[in-house]
């Protein structure tokens, strides 16, 4: 199990399930029951219970890895580039 925001996607790609709090973009990575467990922020008791349950579950590395297959670095870069292009286009159109 990994409990950290930064390596979340890398961990999932390698088939390691996550236990994380619902902050930032982390909820977008989760597929309930497939790749980990999400907990509320600032609730240590729930986090502890979630960790216990996650550690006792037999996870499939293949299922965990496949759950984020569409979120490769390449696909994310294309999404970001698309957003940048649309913002630039809107900005240029507003100046006309």
Foldseek 3Di string as FASTA:
>chain_A
DDEDDPCVLVCLLQQAADEYEPDDCVVVLDDPPQGAYYDHPPDVVVSVVRVVVRVVDDHDSVSSNVSCPCVDPVNVVVVVVVVVVVVVVVVVVVVD
